[in-house]
Amino acid sequence: MAQGDGEVLSNFAALIGVKDADRAAFYAFTQQNFASIFATENTTELEVLASLEQLMAREPQLAAYAQEG
């Protein structure tokens, strides 16, 4: 996620339903917001999901995925 690409991020995008047309925006978004998504080195999986959902909800191109996921 920190690099904005990779198999894990691609699989995660698929898991939450990000369409192929929005994948590049999702990858860039997660890279740009990495420090907010992973606020501390001890951030839990649930905290990651909550942070990601909150941030995506504010991003017009990705907001629908926050609501669906």
Protein backbone atom coordinates (compact mmCIF):
# COMPACT_ATOMS: atom_id res chain seq x y z
CA MET A 1 0.00 0.00 0.00
CA ALA A 2 2.86 2.37 0.76
CA GLN A 3 4.12 1.96 -2.81
CA GLY A 4 0.65 2.32 -4.32
CA ASP A 5 0.66 -0.97 -6.19
CA GLY A 6 1.29 -4.66 -5.80
CA GLU A 7 -0.60 -7.91 -5.60
CA VAL A 8 -1.88 -7.41 -2.06
CA LEU A 9 -3.34 -4.00 -2.86
CA SER A 10 -4.81 -5.32 -6.11
CA ASN A 11 -6.46 -8.20 -4.25
CA PHE A 12 -7.77 -5.85 -1.58
CA ALA A 13 -9.24 -3.55 -4.24
CA ALA A 14 -10.99 -6.54 -5.80
CA LEU A 15 -12.26 -7.67 -2.41
CA ILE A 16 -13.95 -4.34 -1.70
CA GLY A 17 -15.30 -4.15 -5.24
CA VAL A 18 -13.19 -1.39 -6.80
CA LYS A 19 -13.89 -1.48 -10.54
CA ASP A 20 -10.97 -1.77 -12.95
CA ALA A 21 -11.63 1.78 -14.18
CA ASP A 22 -11.10 3.12 -10.64
CA ARG A 23 -8.12 0.98 -9.64
CA ALA A 24 -5.43 3.53 -10.55
CA ALA A 25 -7.24 6.20 -8.51
CA PHE A 26 -7.62 3.76 -5.60
CA TYR A 27 -3.93 2.84 -5.70
CA ALA A 28 -2.85 6.49 -5.78
CA PHE A 29 -5.33 7.34 -3.03
CA THR A 30 -4.04 4.64 -0.68
CA GLN A 31 -0.45 5.67 -1.33
CA GLN A 32 -1.20 9.36 -0.70
CA ASN A 33 -3.15 8.57 2.48
CA PHE A 34 -0.90 5.82 3.85
CA ALA A 35 0.07 7.79 6.96
CA SER A 36 -3.58 8.39 7.82
CA ILE A 37 -4.65 4.82 7.08
CA PHE A 38 -1.81 3.40 9.18
CA ALA A 39 -1.72 6.05 11.91
CA THR A 40 0.69 4.09 14.12
CA GLU A 41 2.89 1.04 13.75
CA ASN A 42 0.39 -0.82 15.96
CA THR A 43 -2.70 -0.01 13.87
CA THR A 44 -5.08 -2.97 13.83
CA GLU A 45 -6.85 -4.37 10.79
CA LEU A 46 -10.16 -2.93 11.98
CA GLU A 47 -8.60 0.50 12.42
CA VAL A 48 -7.17 0.31 8.91
CA LEU A 49 -10.60 -0.52 7.49
CA ALA A 50 -12.31 2.23 9.48
CA SER A 51 -9.74 4.84 8.44
CA LEU A 52 -9.88 3.77 4.83
CA GLU A 53 -13.67 3.89 4.76
CA GLN A 54 -13.76 7.37 6.32
CA LEU A 55 -11.17 8.74 3.91
CA MET A 56 -12.73 7.12 0.85
CA ALA A 57 -16.14 8.52 1.78
CA ARG A 58 -14.69 12.02 1.23
CA GLU A 59 -13.16 11.17 -2.14
CA PRO A 60 -15.77 11.61 -4.92
CA GLN A 61 -14.40 8.91 -7.24
CA LEU A 62 -14.13 6.35 -4.41
CA ALA A 63 -17.01 7.28 -2.09
CA ALA A 64 -19.34 4.61 -3.46
CA TYR A 65 -16.87 1.90 -2.45
CA ALA A 66 -16.76 3.15 1.13
CA GLN A 67 -20.53 2.87 1.31
CA GLU A 68 -20.64 -0.56 -0.37
CA GLY A 69 -17.71 -2.12 1.47
